Amino acid sequence: MKKHFNILQLSIALTLFCTLAIQTTKAQTTAEQSDPQLYKTIVHMDSVMFDAFNTQNLDVLKTLFADNVEFYHDRGGLGNYDTTIAAFKNNFAQGLDLKRELVKGTLEIYPIPGFGAVEMGVHTFTHKENGKDVVGSFKFVHTWQLKDGSWKVTRVVSVGH
């Protein structure tokens, strides 16, 4: 009898696990499909931001962050607009040839009604050090606000460094 009980427990656990896995996948798919235009817009804004980063265009980067931005970094701490822009400027001045690439399949975008959207994913940064590529992948969250017809990042969380 005990053997049947363990098989029954295993069967129930497996069924619950599969149900949760399907629901999680469904939720991620639904987030993308619930507002395809929003998804497309935030993907575009992400590419604008990191095209500016990859080409070291500080003038464009300055326009993408709200004046009240809060940038949470697991190594650098909390930054505001001025410290964020100064960090970009400092990184560019070091000549590291930093490049950012979004890790395919990791991007999730969720609407925040009356405000904008939350973007989450994983990105990889590459730079040269002693003639060799140094690559690191990190998790991020960007909170985008649509205000007066412009999209700006109001919060950044960057972790896993």
Protein backbone atom coordinates (compact mmCIF):
# COMPACT_ATOMS: atom_id res chain seq x y z
CA MET A 1 0.00 0.00 0.00
CA LYS A 2 2.82 2.38 0.82
CA LYS A 3 4.29 1.92 -2.68
CA HIS A 4 0.97 2.95 -4.28
CA PHE A 5 0.74 5.95 -1.97
CA ASN A 6 4.19 7.17 -3.09
CA ILE A 7 3.28 6.71 -6.75
CA LEU A 8 0.05 8.62 -6.16
CA GLN A 9 1.97 11.43 -4.43
CA LEU A 10 4.47 11.53 -7.28
CA SER A 11 1.64 11.62 -9.84
CA ILE A 12 -0.09 14.50 -8.05
CA ALA A 13 3.18 16.44 -7.69
CA LEU A 14 4.02 15.92 -11.36
CA THR A 15 0.54 17.06 -12.41
CA LEU A 16 0.82 20.20 -10.26
CA PHE A 17 4.28 20.96 -11.60
CA CYS A 18 3.12 20.59 -15.22
CA THR A 19 0.07 22.78 -14.57
CA LEU A 20 2.23 25.51 -13.02
CA ALA A 21 4.74 25.32 -15.88
CA ILE A 22 1.97 25.66 -18.45
CA GLN A 23 0.40 28.58 -16.56
CA THR A 24 3.77 30.37 -16.29
CA THR A 25 4.41 29.95 -20.02
CA LYS A 26 0.86 31.08 -20.75
CA ALA A 27 1.31 34.20 -18.58
CA GLN A 28 4.50 35.16 -20.41
CA THR A 29 2.88 34.61 -23.79
CA THR A 30 -0.23 36.54 -22.74
CA ALA A 31 1.90 39.50 -21.58
CA GLU A 32 3.34 39.82 -25.09
CA GLN A 33 0.03 39.26 -26.83
CA SER A 34 -2.20 41.36 -24.55
CA ASP A 35 -0.93 44.60 -26.09
CA PRO A 36 1.20 43.91 -29.19
CA GLN A 37 1.62 47.64 -29.92
CA LEU A 38 2.98 48.33 -26.43
CA TYR A 39 5.33 45.36 -26.74
CA LYS A 40 6.60 46.64 -30.10
CA THR A 41 7.00 50.18 -28.70
CA ILE A 42 9.06 49.07 -25.68
CA VAL A 43 11.21 46.76 -27.82
CA HIS A 44 11.85 49.79 -30.03
CA MET A 45 12.69 52.03 -27.05
CA ASP A 46 15.05 49.36 -25.71
CA SER A 47 16.83 49.30 -29.07
CA VAL A 48 17.03 53.12 -29.16
CA MET A 49 18.57 53.13 -25.69
CA PHE A 50 21.15 50.51 -26.41
CA ASP A 51 21.98 51.70 -29.91
CA ALA A 52 22.85 54.98 -28.17
CA PHE A 53 24.83 53.07 -25.55
CA ASN A 54 26.69 50.97 -28.13
CA THR A 55 27.57 54.06 -30.20
CA GLN A 56 28.36 56.07 -27.05
CA ASN A 57 25.78 58.71 -27.91
CA LEU A 58 25.40 60.44 -24.57
CA ASP A 59 23.06 63.10 -25.98
CA VAL A 60 20.45 60.47 -26.90
CA LEU A 61 20.90 58.62 -23.59
CA LYS A 62 20.19 61.84 -21.70
CA THR A 63 16.76 62.06 -23.36
CA LEU A 64 15.73 58.52 -22.40
CA PHE A 65 15.92 58.85 -18.62
CA ALA A 66 13.42 60.79 -16.53
CA ASP A 67 14.78 63.58 -14.35
CA ASN A 68 13.68 61.57 -11.30
CA VAL A 69 15.18 58.25 -12.44
CA GLU A 70 16.31 55.83 -9.75
CA PHE A 71 19.01 53.39 -10.89
CA TYR A 72 19.47 50.44 -8.53
CA HIS A 73 22.70 48.52 -9.16
CA ASP A 74 23.76 45.57 -7.03
CA ARG A 75 27.37 46.78 -6.99
CA GLY A 76 27.09 50.52 -7.51
CA GLY A 77 24.15 51.21 -5.22
CA LEU A 78 21.42 53.73 -5.92
CA GLY A 79 21.93 56.42 -8.51
CA ASN A 80 19.90 59.37 -9.76
CA TYR A 81 19.83 61.10 -13.14
CA ASP A 82 23.12 62.93 -12.66
CA THR A 83 25.02 59.88 -11.39
CA THR A 84 23.55 57.70 -14.17
CA ILE A 85 24.63 60.07 -16.93
CA ALA A 86 28.03 60.57 -15.26
CA ALA A 87 28.50 56.78 -15.14
CA PHE A 88 27.78 56.49 -18.87
CA LYS A 89 30.19 59.34 -19.59
CA ASN A 90 32.89 57.76 -17.41
CA ASN A 91 32.46 54.34 -19.03
CA PHE A 92 32.71 55.86 -22.50
CA ALA A 93 35.83 57.83 -21.55
CA GLN A 94 37.63 54.63 -20.49
CA GLY A 95 37.70 53.42 -24.09
CA LEU A 96 36.45 49.95 -23.17
CA ASP A 97 34.32 49.69 -26.33
CA LEU A 98 31.35 48.45 -24.29
CA LYS A 99 28.59 46.72 -26.25
CA ARG A 100 25.21 45.59 -24.97
CA GLU A 101 23.13 42.83 -26.50
CA LEU A 102 19.74 41.60 -25.35
CA VAL A 103 19.72 37.84 -24.71
CA LYS A 104 17.21 36.37 -27.14
CA GLY A 105 14.11 34.92 -25.55
CA THR A 106 14.49 36.68 -22.19
CA LEU A 107 12.49 39.85 -22.80
CA GLU A 108 9.20 40.28 -20.93
CA ILE A 109 7.07 43.41 -21.13
CA TYR A 110 4.03 44.14 -19.00
CA PRO A 111 1.67 47.12 -19.22
CA ILE A 112 1.25 49.38 -16.20
CA PRO A 113 -2.15 51.02 -16.83
CA GLY A 114 -2.13 54.80 -16.60
CA PHE A 115 1.68 54.89 -16.41
CA GLY A 116 3.56 52.88 -19.01
CA ALA A 117 5.27 49.51 -18.90
CA VAL A 118 7.77 47.29 -17.15
CA GLU A 119 10.49 45.62 -19.19
CA MET A 120 12.48 42.70 -17.79
CA GLY A 121 15.16 40.53 -19.31
CA VAL A 122 18.77 39.53 -19.47
CA HIS A 123 21.43 41.38 -21.40
CA THR A 124 25.06 40.71 -22.16
CA PHE A 125 27.78 43.33 -22.02
CA THR A 126 31.08 42.84 -23.83
CA HIS A 127 34.25 44.90 -23.61
CA LYS A 128 37.92 44.49 -24.45
CA GLU A 129 40.39 43.99 -21.65
CA ASN A 130 44.04 43.21 -22.39
CA GLY A 131 43.07 42.46 -25.98
CA LYS A 132 40.43 39.89 -25.04
CA ASP A 133 36.64 40.04 -24.95
CA VAL A 134 35.18 40.08 -21.46
CA VAL A 135 31.52 39.08 -21.44
CA GLY A 136 28.98 39.23 -18.63
CA SER A 137 25.24 38.55 -18.59
CA PHE A 138 23.01 40.36 -16.12
CA LYS A 139 19.32 40.69 -15.25
CA PHE A 140 17.54 44.01 -15.61
CA VAL A 141 14.20 45.70 -15.02
CA HIS A 142 13.27 49.02 -16.66
CA THR A 143 10.14 50.93 -15.76
CA TRP A 144 9.07 53.04 -18.72
CA GLN A 145 6.71 55.99 -18.32
CA LEU A 146 4.72 57.52 -21.15
CA LYS A 147 4.40 61.21 -20.35
CA ASP A 148 3.57 64.05 -22.72
CA GLY A 149 4.03 61.70 -25.67
CA SER A 150 7.56 60.61 -24.68
CA TRP A 151 8.78 57.34 -23.22
CA LYS A 152 11.36 57.68 -20.43
CA VAL A 153 12.88 55.26 -17.97
CA THR A 154 11.99 56.12 -14.38
CA ARG A 155 13.45 53.08 -12.60
CA VAL A 156 16.27 50.70 -13.43
CA VAL A 157 17.19 47.58 -11.51
CA SER A 158 20.41 45.92 -12.65
CA VAL A 159 21.51 42.79 -10.80
CA GLY A 160 23.65 39.69 -11.06
CA HIS A 161 27.04 41.37 -11.48
